[in-house]
């Protein structure tokens, strides 16, 4: 996804809310979650009090193509629940009129911990993130004023907004509530890590975990499996896209070809991989990291220029570990699915 502006920071919203550590389950009241051992989230709901009504409004908006100019594309078109809210099988995002974007649609979960959004970090607040794809000419091709007009004309949305005015602020806050509730912390990995857990890694998974800690954890830090920094991993530039990454936002040559480190949670569910979706499967990704990097401009210092020395068994074990990061509780939760289907 490519966006052409940076949204100003809303730092005042980031702090000051006590987080309830209780687990969210289907059909329970929505509440903030802070799993044991996790850092404090960047975004809390201190200025956007959680309510079932706002959550359901955000859910309806997320799945409704009314946000696009021709009512053909919704947020869910590129963020599918069964793929951990990524775009299964599509290298690049696709929008109105069958147009393709320039980047792979990233998965959506644990967004309250993200200091930036989009591969280049062009948006830095969850409450304004939807404005990017809504206004993008090859995604939704709409403007927020016209979206609000359409919502105001809709009996369904007049009911869903209730006593709240139908305006952009209330719309975006509701969407932040739905997206912010997409927590992912119930994978096999999480069960193993819990004190006294009955579950354990297989031998292959455990070996893969040890290799991960030694070679990958520097960028994909536990427990979120990302440090959310911008890094170049040496990918050869696709001449059809000529994507400069973070430099597209900052204009700095030192940011050229750097992209936000993705979380590896649910990685087995979110193929294809990299900012342009060039790798179809995890085998291709691991094979890439065991070769010399072709594009060394701004190559991250934690990457050995000649690639990692993983054997075939090592790569298999790392992939087996990565599969333990899949959270079926997230993708099967009925509260996060299209409300028209329930």
Protein backbone atom coordinates (compact mmCIF):
# COMPACT_ATOMS: atom_id res chain seq x y z
CA UNK A 1 0.00 0.00 0.00
CA UNK A 2 1.44 3.36 -0.94
CA UNK A 3 0.38 6.59 0.67
CA UNK A 4 1.48 10.11 0.07
CA UNK A 5 1.32 11.83 3.40
CA UNK A 6 2.35 11.55 7.03
CA UNK A 7 -0.34 11.95 9.65
CA UNK A 8 0.71 14.15 12.57
CA UNK A 9 1.33 12.45 15.91
CA UNK A 10 -1.37 12.26 18.54
CA UNK A 11 0.93 11.54 21.46
CA UNK A 12 -1.54 12.75 24.04
CA UNK A 13 -3.71 9.74 23.32
CA UNK A 14 -0.97 7.21 23.89
CA UNK A 15 -0.82 7.10 27.65
CA UNK A 16 -2.83 7.13 30.83
CA UNK A 17 -5.20 4.18 30.60
CA UNK A 18 -5.10 1.23 32.96
CA UNK A 19 -5.22 -1.93 30.87
CA UNK A 20 -7.38 -4.86 31.91
CA UNK A 21 -5.39 -8.10 31.52
CA UNK A 22 -8.45 -10.32 31.12
CA UNK A 23 -8.72 -12.44 28.00
CA UNK A 24 -11.25 -11.45 25.35
CA UNK A 25 -13.42 -14.33 24.20
CA UNK A 26 -16.32 -14.53 21.78
CA UNK A 27 -19.53 -12.94 23.04
CA UNK A 28 -17.83 -11.28 26.02
CA UNK A 29 -17.83 -7.52 26.65
CA UNK A 30 -14.94 -5.91 24.83
CA UNK A 31 -12.03 -4.79 26.98
CA UNK A 32 -8.40 -3.90 26.62
CA UNK A 33 -5.85 -6.69 26.96
CA UNK A 34 -2.27 -6.67 28.21
CA UNK A 35 -0.88 -10.22 28.14
CA UNK A 36 1.65 -11.13 30.80
CA UNK A 37 5.15 -10.00 29.89
CA UNK A 38 4.07 -7.67 27.08
CA UNK A 39 5.12 -4.01 26.93
CA UNK A 40 2.53 -1.29 27.39
CA UNK A 41 0.67 -0.55 24.15
CA UNK A 42 1.28 2.65 22.23
CA UNK A 43 -2.45 3.24 21.88
CA UNK A 44 -5.01 2.86 24.61
CA UNK A 45 -8.70 3.71 24.59
CA UNK A 46 -8.43 6.47 27.20
CA UNK A 47 -9.84 9.01 24.73
CA UNK A 48 -11.99 6.50 22.89
CA UNK A 49 -13.96 4.61 25.57
CA UNK A 50 -14.76 1.08 24.51
CA UNK A 51 -18.38 0.11 24.02
CA UNK A 52 -20.19 -2.74 22.30
CA UNK A 53 -22.07 -0.25 20.11
CA UNK A 54 -18.89 1.42 18.83
CA UNK A 55 -17.17 -1.92 18.31
CA UNK A 56 -20.12 -3.16 16.22
CA UNK A 57 -20.16 0.08 14.24
CA UNK A 58 -16.45 -0.32 13.51
CA UNK A 59 -16.99 -3.93 12.53
CA UNK A 60 -19.76 -2.97 10.10
CA UNK A 61 -17.61 -0.24 8.53
CA UNK A 62 -14.62 -2.57 8.19
CA UNK A 63 -16.64 -5.00 6.09
CA UNK A 64 -18.66 -2.45 4.10
CA UNK A 65 -17.60 -1.46 0.57
CA UNK A 66 -19.47 1.82 1.08
CA UNK A 67 -16.08 3.25 2.02
CA UNK A 68 -14.95 2.99 -1.62
CA UNK A 69 -16.01 5.31 -4.44
CA UNK A 70 -17.93 2.62 -6.35
CA UNK A 71 -18.93 0.46 -3.35
CA UNK A 72 -16.87 -2.50 -4.55
CA UNK A 73 -13.97 -2.58 -2.08
CA UNK A 74 -14.02 -2.84 1.71
CA UNK A 75 -11.19 -3.00 4.24
CA UNK A 76 -11.90 -6.74 4.43
CA UNK A 77 -11.28 -7.11 0.70
CA UNK A 78 -7.54 -6.92 1.40
CA UNK A 79 -7.62 -7.96 5.07
CA UNK A 80 -9.30 -11.36 5.26
CA UNK A 81 -10.14 -12.86 8.64
CA UNK A 82 -8.99 -16.39 7.77
CA UNK A 83 -5.56 -15.05 6.79
CA UNK A 84 -5.02 -13.17 10.06
CA UNK A 85 -6.44 -10.16 8.23
CA UNK A 86 -3.85 -10.26 5.45
CA UNK A 87 -4.62 -10.77 1.75
CA UNK A 88 -4.26 -14.47 1.03
CA UNK A 89 -2.50 -15.29 -2.22
CA UNK A 90 -2.22 -11.72 -3.51
CA UNK A 91 1.21 -10.20 -4.02
CA UNK A 92 -0.13 -6.64 -4.15
CA UNK A 93 -3.21 -4.96 -2.75
CA UNK A 94 -6.02 -4.66 -5.27
CA UNK A 95 -8.72 -2.05 -5.26
CA UNK A 96 -11.37 -0.36 -7.34
CA UNK A 97 -11.58 -1.12 -11.05
CA UNK A 98 -9.28 -4.13 -10.52
CA UNK A 99 -6.34 -1.78 -10.02
CA UNK A 100 -3.26 -3.04 -8.20
CA UNK A 101 -1.39 -1.14 -5.54
CA UNK A 102 2.37 -1.14 -5.08
CA UNK A 103 2.61 -3.20 -1.90
CA UNK A 104 1.39 -6.33 -0.22
CA UNK A 105 -1.46 -5.80 2.24
CA UNK A 106 -0.06 -6.40 5.76
CA UNK A 107 -1.94 -8.47 8.35
CA UNK A 108 -3.91 -6.68 11.06
CA UNK A 109 -3.54 -7.72 14.70
CA UNK A 110 -2.00 -6.29 17.88
CA UNK A 111 -2.26 -2.89 16.24
CA UNK A 112 -2.36 -1.06 19.57
CA UNK A 113 1.39 -1.70 19.87
CA UNK A 114 2.27 -0.24 16.46
CA UNK A 115 3.88 3.22 16.53
CA UNK A 116 3.54 3.41 12.74
CA UNK A 117 1.32 1.92 10.06
CA UNK A 118 1.93 0.91 6.44
CA UNK A 119 5.18 -0.61 5.23
CA UNK A 120 6.81 2.82 5.10
CA UNK A 121 5.31 4.16 8.34
CA UNK A 122 3.49 6.93 6.49
CA UNK A 123 0.69 6.95 9.08
CA UNK A 124 1.38 7.01 12.79
CA UNK A 125 -2.01 6.69 14.48
CA UNK A 126 -4.58 3.92 14.39
CA UNK A 127 -7.49 6.37 14.46
CA UNK A 128 -6.51 7.93 11.14
CA UNK A 129 -5.05 4.84 9.46
CA UNK A 130 -8.22 4.15 7.40
CA UNK A 131 -7.86 7.52 5.68
CA UNK A 132 -4.86 6.14 3.77
CA UNK A 133 -6.61 3.37 1.84
CA UNK A 134 -9.87 5.34 1.58
CA UNK A 135 -8.14 8.21 -0.22
CA UNK A 136 -5.69 6.10 -2.22
CA UNK A 137 -6.62 6.35 -5.90
CA UNK A 138 -6.00 2.66 -6.65
CA UNK A 139 -7.49 1.27 -3.45
CA UNK A 140 -10.78 2.88 -2.47
CA UNK A 141 -10.50 6.12 -4.45
CA UNK A 142 -12.85 8.00 -2.13
CA UNK A 143 -12.74 11.10 0.06
CA UNK A 144 -13.86 11.17 3.66
CA UNK A 145 -16.42 13.91 3.10
CA UNK A 146 -18.31 11.84 0.54
CA UNK A 147 -18.08 8.75 2.75
CA UNK A 148 -19.75 10.67 5.58
CA UNK A 149 -22.48 11.87 3.23
CA UNK A 150 -23.21 8.28 2.21
CA UNK A 151 -23.32 7.16 5.84
CA UNK A 152 -25.67 9.99 6.75
CA UNK A 153 -28.08 8.89 4.01
CA UNK A 154 -28.06 5.27 5.24
CA UNK A 155 -30.80 4.17 7.64
CA UNK A 156 -28.55 1.31 8.75
CA UNK A 157 -25.77 3.67 9.79
CA UNK A 158 -28.09 6.19 11.39
CA UNK A 159 -29.13 3.30 13.62
CA UNK A 160 -25.57 2.07 14.23
CA UNK A 161 -24.27 5.53 15.13
CA UNK A 162 -27.20 5.94 17.52
CA UNK A 163 -27.05 9.22 19.39
CA UNK A 164 -23.54 9.97 18.11
CA UNK A 165 -23.21 12.39 15.24
CA UNK A 166 -22.27 10.78 11.93
CA UNK A 167 -18.95 12.46 11.34
CA UNK A 168 -15.40 11.43 10.51
CA UNK A 169 -14.19 11.51 14.10
CA UNK A 170 -16.84 9.11 15.36
CA UNK A 171 -16.45 6.89 12.30
CA UNK A 172 -12.68 6.59 12.72
CA UNK A 173 -12.86 6.04 16.47
CA UNK A 174 -15.32 3.18 15.91
CA UNK A 175 -13.02 1.60 13.34
CA UNK A 176 -10.11 1.92 15.79
CA UNK A 177 -12.15 0.00 18.35
CA UNK A 178 -12.74 -2.91 15.97
CA UNK A 179 -9.16 -2.99 14.68
CA UNK A 180 -7.72 -2.48 18.16
CA UNK A 181 -9.58 -5.53 19.45
CA UNK A 182 -7.82 -7.82 16.95
CA UNK A 183 -5.54 -9.25 19.61
CA UNK A 184 -3.31 -12.22 18.85
CA UNK A 185 -1.75 -13.90 21.86
CA UNK A 186 -3.26 -17.39 21.95
CA UNK A 187 -0.92 -19.39 19.72
CA UNK A 188 0.84 -22.63 20.66
CA UNK A 189 3.94 -20.53 21.33
CA UNK A 190 1.98 -18.50 23.89
CA UNK A 191 0.65 -21.63 25.57
CA UNK A 192 4.15 -23.09 25.84
CA UNK A 193 5.54 -19.86 27.29
CA UNK A 194 2.91 -19.63 30.01
CA UNK A 195 4.08 -20.74 33.41
CA UNK A 196 2.89 -24.27 34.17
CA UNK A 197 1.62 -24.85 30.65
CA UNK A 198 0.97 -28.48 29.81
CA UNK A 199 1.89 -27.98 26.18
CA UNK A 200 5.46 -28.14 24.90
CA UNK A 201 7.42 -27.71 21.69
CA UNK A 202 8.35 -30.70 19.61
CA UNK A 203 12.06 -31.33 19.19
CA UNK A 204 12.02 -29.66 15.78
CA UNK A 205 10.06 -26.66 17.05
CA UNK A 206 12.39 -26.24 20.02
CA UNK A 207 15.49 -26.35 17.82
CA UNK A 208 13.86 -23.85 15.47
CA UNK A 209 13.11 -21.60 18.44
CA UNK A 210 16.75 -21.68 19.55
CA UNK A 211 17.88 -20.79 16.03
CA UNK A 212 15.30 -18.00 15.96
CA UNK A 213 16.55 -16.54 19.24
CA UNK A 214 20.14 -16.58 18.00
CA UNK A 215 19.56 -15.23 14.50
CA UNK A 216 16.18 -13.52 14.20
CA UNK A 217 15.11 -12.12 17.56
CA UNK A 218 17.22 -9.00 17.12
CA UNK A 219 14.66 -7.59 14.67
CA UNK A 220 11.62 -9.79 15.33
CA UNK A 221 11.65 -9.32 19.08
CA UNK A 222 9.49 -11.39 21.38
CA UNK A 223 6.69 -11.20 22.37
CA UNK A 224 5.33 -9.08 19.49
CA UNK A 225 7.90 -10.56 17.09
CA UNK A 226 8.76 -7.15 15.69
CA UNK A 227 10.66 -4.12 16.91
CA UNK A 228 8.61 -1.96 14.47
CA UNK A 229 11.80 -0.32 13.22
CA UNK A 230 12.57 0.39 9.57
CA UNK A 231 15.20 -1.88 8.07
CA UNK A 232 16.55 -3.00 4.72
CA UNK A 233 16.82 -6.76 4.34
CA UNK A 234 18.72 -6.58 1.07
CA UNK A 235 15.89 -7.31 -1.35
CA UNK A 236 16.71 -6.64 -4.97
CA UNK A 237 14.61 -3.70 -6.15
CA UNK A 238 11.65 -4.62 -8.33
CA UNK A 239 12.04 -2.28 -11.35
CA UNK A 240 8.31 -2.34 -12.03
CA UNK A 241 7.65 -0.83 -8.59
CA UNK A 242 10.92 0.97 -7.81
CA UNK A 243 9.86 1.22 -4.18
CA UNK A 244 12.18 3.32 -2.04
CA UNK A 245 10.48 2.28 1.22
CA UNK A 246 10.79 4.59 4.21
CA UNK A 247 12.66 7.13 2.05
CA UNK A 248 9.36 7.71 0.22
CA UNK A 249 8.17 9.37 3.44
CA UNK A 250 11.33 10.97 4.85
CA UNK A 251 13.23 11.80 1.66
CA UNK A 252 16.43 10.61 3.34
CA UNK A 253 18.91 8.52 1.38
CA UNK A 254 19.71 6.66 4.59
CA UNK A 255 16.12 5.38 4.65
CA UNK A 256 16.19 4.06 1.10
CA UNK A 257 14.85 0.49 0.79
CA UNK A 258 13.96 0.33 4.47
CA UNK A 259 10.56 -1.10 5.44
CA UNK A 260 8.87 -1.63 8.77
CA UNK A 261 9.83 -4.94 10.37
CA UNK A 262 6.72 -7.14 10.15
CA UNK A 263 5.50 -9.20 13.07
CA UNK A 264 6.08 -12.92 12.61
CA UNK A 265 2.97 -13.82 14.57
CA UNK A 266 0.57 -15.72 12.29
CA UNK A 267 3.28 -15.76 9.62
CA UNK A 268 2.23 -19.21 8.38
CA UNK A 269 -1.22 -17.74 7.58
CA UNK A 270 -0.22 -14.56 5.77
CA UNK A 271 1.55 -15.59 2.54
CA UNK A 272 2.86 -14.16 0.27
CA UNK A 273 5.74 -12.40 1.99
CA UNK A 274 7.78 -9.18 1.91
CA UNK A 275 6.49 -5.69 1.16
CA UNK A 276 5.84 -6.65 -2.46
CA UNK A 277 4.69 -10.22 -1.87
CA UNK A 278 7.52 -11.69 -3.93
CA UNK A 279 7.89 -14.92 -1.92
CA UNK A 280 5.05 -17.42 -2.08
CA UNK A 281 5.97 -19.52 0.95
CA UNK A 282 8.21 -19.69 4.00
CA UNK A 283 10.64 -22.05 2.27
CA UNK A 284 11.36 -19.31 -0.27
CA UNK A 285 11.88 -16.79 2.53
CA UNK A 286 14.38 -18.99 4.38
CA UNK A 287 16.17 -19.80 1.14
CA UNK A 288 16.51 -16.08 0.49
CA UNK A 289 18.13 -15.46 3.86
CA UNK A 290 20.77 -18.14 3.25
CA UNK A 291 22.12 -16.42 0.13
CA UNK A 292 24.30 -13.36 -0.28
CA UNK A 293 22.23 -10.17 -0.33
CA UNK A 294 22.22 -8.44 -3.71
CA UNK A 295 21.16 -4.97 -2.57
CA UNK A 296 23.56 -3.88 0.17
CA UNK A 297 22.63 -0.18 0.20
CA UNK A 298 21.52 0.49 3.80
CA UNK A 299 21.59 -3.26 4.49
CA UNK A 300 20.73 -3.80 8.13
CA UNK A 301 23.80 -4.34 10.29
CA UNK A 302 22.30 -7.45 11.88
CA UNK A 303 22.28 -9.28 8.54
CA UNK A 304 25.48 -11.06 7.45
CA UNK A 305 26.26 -9.92 3.90
CA UNK A 306 26.80 -13.53 2.83
CA UNK A 307 23.51 -14.73 4.30
CA UNK A 308 22.79 -17.00 7.26
CA UNK A 309 24.39 -20.42 7.35
CA UNK A 310 21.24 -22.50 7.85
CA UNK A 311 21.23 -26.17 6.87
CA UNK A 312 18.17 -27.77 5.27
CA UNK A 313 17.24 -29.18 8.68
CA UNK A 314 17.73 -25.78 10.32
CA UNK A 315 15.35 -24.16 7.85
CA UNK A 316 12.75 -26.86 8.36
CA UNK A 317 12.98 -26.47 12.13
CA UNK A 318 12.70 -22.67 11.97
CA UNK A 319 9.56 -22.98 9.86
CA UNK A 320 8.11 -25.51 12.28
CA UNK A 321 8.70 -23.01 15.08
CA UNK A 322 7.15 -20.19 13.09
CA UNK A 323 4.02 -22.28 12.64
CA UNK A 324 3.59 -22.30 16.42
CA UNK A 325 2.89 -18.55 16.16
CA UNK A 326 -0.44 -19.14 14.39
CA UNK A 327 -3.41 -18.01 16.47
CA UNK A 328 -6.55 -19.94 15.52
CA UNK A 329 -8.46 -18.16 18.30
CA UNK A 330 -8.07 -14.96 16.30
CA UNK A 331 -9.09 -16.26 12.91
CA UNK A 332 -12.01 -18.31 14.24
CA UNK A 333 -13.50 -15.66 16.53
CA UNK A 334 -17.04 -15.00 15.27
CA UNK A 335 -16.97 -11.47 16.68
CA UNK A 336 -14.38 -10.49 14.09
CA UNK A 337 -16.16 -11.92 11.05
CA UNK A 338 -18.45 -10.21 8.55
CA UNK A 339 -21.59 -9.26 10.51
CA UNK A 340 -23.73 -9.98 7.46
CA UNK A 341 -22.85 -13.66 7.89
CA UNK A 342 -24.10 -13.86 11.48
